N, C-alpha and C. Protein backbone atom coordinates (compact mmCIF):
# COMPACT_ATOMS: atom_id res chain seq x y z
N MET A 1 -19.98 3.85 -8.63
CA MET A 1 -19.13 2.76 -8.16
C MET A 1 -19.00 2.89 -6.63
N ASP A 2 -19.28 1.80 -5.92
CA ASP A 2 -19.13 1.87 -4.48
C ASP A 2 -17.68 1.67 -4.08
N ALA A 3 -17.38 1.84 -2.78
CA ALA A 3 -16.00 1.79 -2.30
C ALA A 3 -15.34 0.45 -2.58
N GLN A 4 -16.06 -0.65 -2.38
CA GLN A 4 -15.48 -1.97 -2.61
C GLN A 4 -15.11 -2.18 -4.08
N GLU A 5 -15.97 -1.73 -4.97
CA GLU A 5 -15.68 -1.84 -6.40
C GLU A 5 -14.48 -0.98 -6.79
N LEU A 6 -14.43 0.23 -6.24
CA LEU A 6 -13.30 1.13 -6.53
C LEU A 6 -11.99 0.53 -6.03
N ILE A 7 -11.99 0.00 -4.82
CA ILE A 7 -10.79 -0.61 -4.25
C ILE A 7 -10.35 -1.79 -5.11
N LYS A 8 -11.29 -2.64 -5.48
CA LYS A 8 -10.97 -3.80 -6.33
C LYS A 8 -10.35 -3.35 -7.65
N GLN A 9 -10.92 -2.31 -8.23
CA GLN A 9 -10.40 -1.78 -9.50
C GLN A 9 -8.99 -1.23 -9.30
N GLN A 10 -8.75 -0.51 -8.20
CA GLN A 10 -7.43 0.08 -7.95
C GLN A 10 -6.37 -1.00 -7.76
N VAL A 11 -6.66 -2.00 -6.94
CA VAL A 11 -5.63 -3.01 -6.65
C VAL A 11 -5.41 -3.97 -7.82
N SER A 12 -6.41 -4.13 -8.67
CA SER A 12 -6.24 -5.05 -9.79
C SER A 12 -5.62 -4.38 -11.02
N SER A 13 -5.68 -3.06 -11.10
CA SER A 13 -5.16 -2.40 -12.30
C SER A 13 -3.84 -1.65 -12.07
N ASN A 14 -3.30 -1.75 -10.87
CA ASN A 14 -2.02 -1.11 -10.55
C ASN A 14 -1.11 -2.14 -9.89
N PRO A 15 0.16 -2.22 -10.32
CA PRO A 15 1.05 -3.24 -9.76
C PRO A 15 1.33 -3.06 -8.26
N VAL A 16 1.41 -1.81 -7.81
CA VAL A 16 1.68 -1.53 -6.39
C VAL A 16 0.72 -0.44 -5.93
N VAL A 17 -0.02 -0.74 -4.86
CA VAL A 17 -0.98 0.23 -4.32
C VAL A 17 -0.75 0.32 -2.81
N LEU A 18 -0.65 1.55 -2.33
CA LEU A 18 -0.50 1.78 -0.89
C LEU A 18 -1.65 2.67 -0.43
N TYR A 19 -2.48 2.13 0.45
CA TYR A 19 -3.52 2.92 1.10
C TYR A 19 -2.89 3.47 2.36
N MET A 20 -2.89 4.79 2.46
CA MET A 20 -2.15 5.42 3.55
C MET A 20 -2.86 6.68 4.03
N LYS A 21 -2.38 7.21 5.13
CA LYS A 21 -2.87 8.50 5.63
C LYS A 21 -1.91 9.56 5.13
N GLY A 22 -2.42 10.42 4.25
CA GLY A 22 -1.60 11.45 3.64
C GLY A 22 -1.10 10.99 2.28
N THR A 23 -0.02 11.59 1.84
CA THR A 23 0.57 11.28 0.54
C THR A 23 2.03 10.87 0.76
N PRO A 24 2.65 10.26 -0.25
CA PRO A 24 4.06 9.91 -0.09
C PRO A 24 4.94 11.13 0.23
N GLN A 25 4.59 12.28 -0.33
CA GLN A 25 5.36 13.49 -0.07
C GLN A 25 5.07 14.07 1.32
N PHE A 26 3.82 13.90 1.79
CA PHE A 26 3.40 14.45 3.08
C PHE A 26 2.57 13.42 3.86
N PRO A 27 3.23 12.38 4.39
CA PRO A 27 2.50 11.39 5.18
C PRO A 27 1.88 12.03 6.42
N GLN A 28 0.69 11.57 6.79
CA GLN A 28 -0.01 12.14 7.93
C GLN A 28 0.07 11.26 9.18
N CYS A 29 0.85 10.20 9.12
CA CYS A 29 1.11 9.40 10.32
C CYS A 29 2.47 8.72 10.16
N GLY A 30 3.06 8.37 11.27
CA GLY A 30 4.38 7.76 11.25
C GLY A 30 4.41 6.43 10.52
N PHE A 31 3.37 5.63 10.67
CA PHE A 31 3.33 4.32 10.01
C PHE A 31 3.31 4.49 8.49
N SER A 32 2.54 5.45 8.01
CA SER A 32 2.50 5.71 6.57
C SER A 32 3.86 6.18 6.07
N ALA A 33 4.52 7.03 6.86
CA ALA A 33 5.84 7.52 6.47
C ALA A 33 6.84 6.36 6.35
N VAL A 34 6.80 5.43 7.30
CA VAL A 34 7.71 4.29 7.29
C VAL A 34 7.45 3.41 6.06
N THR A 35 6.17 3.18 5.73
CA THR A 35 5.88 2.31 4.58
C THR A 35 6.40 2.93 3.29
N VAL A 36 6.30 4.24 3.15
CA VAL A 36 6.83 4.91 1.96
C VAL A 36 8.36 4.76 1.93
N GLN A 37 9.01 4.92 3.06
CA GLN A 37 10.47 4.76 3.11
C GLN A 37 10.88 3.34 2.74
N ILE A 38 10.12 2.35 3.19
CA ILE A 38 10.44 0.96 2.87
C ILE A 38 10.29 0.72 1.36
N LEU A 39 9.22 1.24 0.78
CA LEU A 39 9.03 1.08 -0.67
C LEU A 39 10.19 1.70 -1.43
N LYS A 40 10.61 2.90 -1.03
CA LYS A 40 11.73 3.54 -1.69
C LYS A 40 13.01 2.73 -1.53
N ALA A 41 13.22 2.16 -0.34
CA ALA A 41 14.40 1.34 -0.09
C ALA A 41 14.39 0.08 -0.97
N CYS A 42 13.21 -0.37 -1.36
CA CYS A 42 13.08 -1.54 -2.25
C CYS A 42 13.21 -1.14 -3.71
N GLY A 43 13.38 0.15 -3.98
CA GLY A 43 13.52 0.61 -5.36
C GLY A 43 12.21 0.94 -6.04
N VAL A 44 11.12 0.95 -5.27
CA VAL A 44 9.81 1.27 -5.84
C VAL A 44 9.62 2.78 -5.76
N SER A 45 9.77 3.44 -6.89
CA SER A 45 9.66 4.90 -6.91
C SER A 45 8.30 5.37 -7.39
N SER A 46 7.56 4.49 -8.03
CA SER A 46 6.27 4.86 -8.57
C SER A 46 5.23 3.83 -8.15
N PHE A 47 4.17 4.30 -7.52
CA PHE A 47 3.09 3.42 -7.09
C PHE A 47 1.85 4.27 -6.88
N LEU A 48 0.70 3.61 -6.90
CA LEU A 48 -0.54 4.32 -6.63
C LEU A 48 -0.68 4.46 -5.13
N SER A 49 -0.76 5.70 -4.67
CA SER A 49 -1.03 5.93 -3.26
C SER A 49 -2.43 6.50 -3.14
N VAL A 50 -3.17 5.99 -2.18
CA VAL A 50 -4.53 6.45 -1.95
C VAL A 50 -4.59 7.03 -0.55
N ASN A 51 -4.87 8.32 -0.47
CA ASN A 51 -4.98 9.02 0.81
C ASN A 51 -6.37 8.76 1.39
N VAL A 52 -6.43 7.88 2.37
CA VAL A 52 -7.72 7.49 2.95
C VAL A 52 -8.38 8.63 3.73
N LEU A 53 -7.60 9.64 4.08
CA LEU A 53 -8.16 10.78 4.82
C LEU A 53 -9.07 11.63 3.94
N GLU A 54 -8.91 11.49 2.62
CA GLU A 54 -9.73 12.27 1.69
C GLU A 54 -11.06 11.62 1.38
N ASN A 55 -11.23 10.34 1.74
CA ASN A 55 -12.45 9.64 1.39
C ASN A 55 -12.83 8.67 2.52
N PRO A 56 -13.80 9.05 3.36
CA PRO A 56 -14.20 8.20 4.48
C PRO A 56 -14.71 6.82 4.04
N GLU A 57 -15.31 6.73 2.86
CA GLU A 57 -15.80 5.44 2.38
C GLU A 57 -14.64 4.50 2.06
N ILE A 58 -13.59 5.03 1.46
CA ILE A 58 -12.39 4.22 1.19
C ILE A 58 -11.71 3.87 2.52
N ARG A 59 -11.66 4.81 3.43
CA ARG A 59 -11.00 4.58 4.73
C ARG A 59 -11.63 3.40 5.47
N SER A 60 -12.94 3.34 5.50
CA SER A 60 -13.59 2.20 6.16
C SER A 60 -13.65 0.99 5.24
N GLY A 61 -13.83 1.22 3.94
CA GLY A 61 -13.95 0.13 2.99
C GLY A 61 -12.70 -0.71 2.84
N ILE A 62 -11.53 -0.07 2.93
CA ILE A 62 -10.28 -0.82 2.77
C ILE A 62 -10.08 -1.79 3.93
N LYS A 63 -10.56 -1.41 5.10
CA LYS A 63 -10.45 -2.30 6.26
C LYS A 63 -11.31 -3.55 6.06
N GLU A 64 -12.46 -3.38 5.44
CA GLU A 64 -13.34 -4.52 5.14
C GLU A 64 -12.78 -5.35 3.99
N TYR A 65 -12.24 -4.67 2.99
CA TYR A 65 -11.75 -5.35 1.78
C TYR A 65 -10.72 -6.42 2.12
N ALA A 66 -9.77 -6.06 2.95
CA ALA A 66 -8.70 -7.00 3.31
C ALA A 66 -8.95 -7.70 4.64
N ASN A 67 -10.05 -7.31 5.31
CA ASN A 67 -10.31 -7.81 6.66
C ASN A 67 -9.10 -7.54 7.55
N TRP A 68 -8.60 -6.31 7.43
CA TRP A 68 -7.41 -5.86 8.17
C TRP A 68 -7.76 -4.53 8.82
N PRO A 69 -7.59 -4.38 10.12
CA PRO A 69 -8.14 -3.21 10.82
C PRO A 69 -7.35 -1.91 10.72
N THR A 70 -6.12 -1.98 10.22
CA THR A 70 -5.29 -0.77 10.28
C THR A 70 -4.87 -0.29 8.89
N ILE A 71 -4.44 0.95 8.87
CA ILE A 71 -3.91 1.61 7.68
C ILE A 71 -2.54 2.13 8.10
N PRO A 72 -1.52 1.99 7.28
CA PRO A 72 -1.49 1.71 5.85
C PRO A 72 -1.67 0.24 5.51
N GLN A 73 -2.01 0.02 4.23
CA GLN A 73 -2.13 -1.32 3.67
C GLN A 73 -1.45 -1.33 2.30
N LEU A 74 -0.64 -2.35 2.08
CA LEU A 74 0.09 -2.49 0.82
C LEU A 74 -0.47 -3.66 0.01
N TYR A 75 -0.64 -3.41 -1.30
CA TYR A 75 -1.07 -4.43 -2.25
C TYR A 75 -0.03 -4.50 -3.37
N VAL A 76 0.39 -5.71 -3.71
CA VAL A 76 1.33 -5.92 -4.80
C VAL A 76 0.72 -6.95 -5.74
N ARG A 77 0.60 -6.56 -7.00
CA ARG A 77 -0.01 -7.43 -8.02
C ARG A 77 -1.38 -7.93 -7.59
N GLY A 78 -2.15 -7.05 -6.96
CA GLY A 78 -3.51 -7.39 -6.54
C GLY A 78 -3.62 -8.15 -5.23
N GLU A 79 -2.49 -8.49 -4.63
CA GLU A 79 -2.50 -9.27 -3.40
C GLU A 79 -2.22 -8.39 -2.19
N PHE A 80 -3.01 -8.56 -1.15
CA PHE A 80 -2.78 -7.84 0.10
C PHE A 80 -1.52 -8.38 0.76
N ILE A 81 -0.58 -7.47 1.06
CA ILE A 81 0.68 -7.86 1.68
C ILE A 81 0.63 -7.65 3.19
N GLY A 82 0.16 -6.47 3.61
CA GLY A 82 0.07 -6.20 5.03
C GLY A 82 0.26 -4.73 5.32
N GLY A 83 0.44 -4.44 6.59
CA GLY A 83 0.64 -3.08 7.05
C GLY A 83 2.11 -2.82 7.36
N CYS A 84 2.34 -1.80 8.14
CA CYS A 84 3.69 -1.32 8.42
C CYS A 84 4.57 -2.39 9.09
N ASP A 85 4.06 -3.03 10.13
CA ASP A 85 4.88 -4.01 10.86
C ASP A 85 5.24 -5.20 9.98
N ILE A 86 4.28 -5.67 9.19
CA ILE A 86 4.55 -6.80 8.30
C ILE A 86 5.56 -6.38 7.23
N MET A 87 5.41 -5.17 6.70
CA MET A 87 6.38 -4.69 5.71
C MET A 87 7.78 -4.61 6.31
N ARG A 88 7.88 -4.11 7.54
CA ARG A 88 9.19 -4.03 8.21
C ARG A 88 9.83 -5.41 8.32
N GLU A 89 9.05 -6.40 8.79
CA GLU A 89 9.57 -7.75 8.96
C GLU A 89 9.99 -8.34 7.61
N MET A 90 9.12 -8.18 6.60
CA MET A 90 9.43 -8.74 5.29
C MET A 90 10.65 -8.06 4.68
N TYR A 91 10.81 -6.76 4.90
CA TYR A 91 11.98 -6.05 4.39
C TYR A 91 13.24 -6.56 5.08
N ALA A 92 13.18 -6.70 6.41
CA ALA A 92 14.35 -7.18 7.17
C ALA A 92 14.75 -8.59 6.74
N ASP A 93 13.78 -9.41 6.37
CA ASP A 93 14.05 -10.79 5.93
C ASP A 93 14.41 -10.89 4.45
N GLY A 94 14.26 -9.78 3.71
CA GLY A 94 14.54 -9.80 2.28
C GLY A 94 13.37 -10.28 1.43
N GLU A 95 12.26 -10.62 2.08
CA GLU A 95 11.08 -11.13 1.36
C GLU A 95 10.40 -10.04 0.54
N LEU A 96 10.33 -8.85 1.09
CA LEU A 96 9.63 -7.77 0.40
C LEU A 96 10.35 -7.40 -0.90
N GLN A 97 11.67 -7.35 -0.84
CA GLN A 97 12.45 -7.02 -2.04
C GLN A 97 12.17 -8.04 -3.15
N LYS A 98 12.01 -9.31 -2.78
CA LYS A 98 11.74 -10.36 -3.77
C LYS A 98 10.39 -10.14 -4.45
N LEU A 99 9.42 -9.61 -3.70
CA LEU A 99 8.10 -9.34 -4.29
C LEU A 99 8.19 -8.35 -5.44
N PHE A 100 9.16 -7.45 -5.36
CA PHE A 100 9.27 -6.40 -6.36
C PHE A 100 10.22 -6.74 -7.50
N GLU A 101 10.86 -7.90 -7.45
CA GLU A 101 11.77 -8.30 -8.53
C GLU A 101 11.01 -8.37 -9.83
N GLY A 102 11.55 -7.74 -10.85
CA GLY A 102 10.90 -7.72 -12.16
C GLY A 102 9.76 -6.73 -12.25
N LEU A 103 9.40 -6.16 -11.13
CA LEU A 103 8.28 -5.23 -11.08
C LEU A 103 8.77 -3.80 -10.93
N VAL A 104 9.91 -3.61 -10.30
CA VAL A 104 10.42 -2.28 -10.00
C VAL A 104 10.61 -1.46 -11.27
N ASP A 105 11.13 -2.06 -12.32
CA ASP A 105 11.33 -1.33 -13.55
C ASP A 105 10.00 -0.98 -14.24
N ALA A 106 8.98 -1.76 -13.93
CA ALA A 106 7.69 -1.57 -14.61
C ALA A 106 6.83 -0.52 -13.94
N VAL A 107 7.16 -0.16 -12.71
CA VAL A 107 6.33 0.83 -12.00
C VAL A 107 7.00 2.19 -11.92
């Protein structure tokens, strides 16, 4: 399975997927740490996290998949949401919390 197929499989079979540098317990960049904090603040305690530092093909492939140049990247219900700055804005506006309504208990 190539990187694009793997990414498609991950985002389509998991309700919440975060491609990040490091892990939720040990983020390897400040932006990844902030995205994990935002997810927790939204009540999302369980999600698939993919450490792009462990797989160079995923690291470059995820940028192509969403046509988005930076990491972290958040996917909810198979849809690309955005990176850290977009998550911050959506959280501040209450939009991000709405995305997780009915989903938080399921993840």
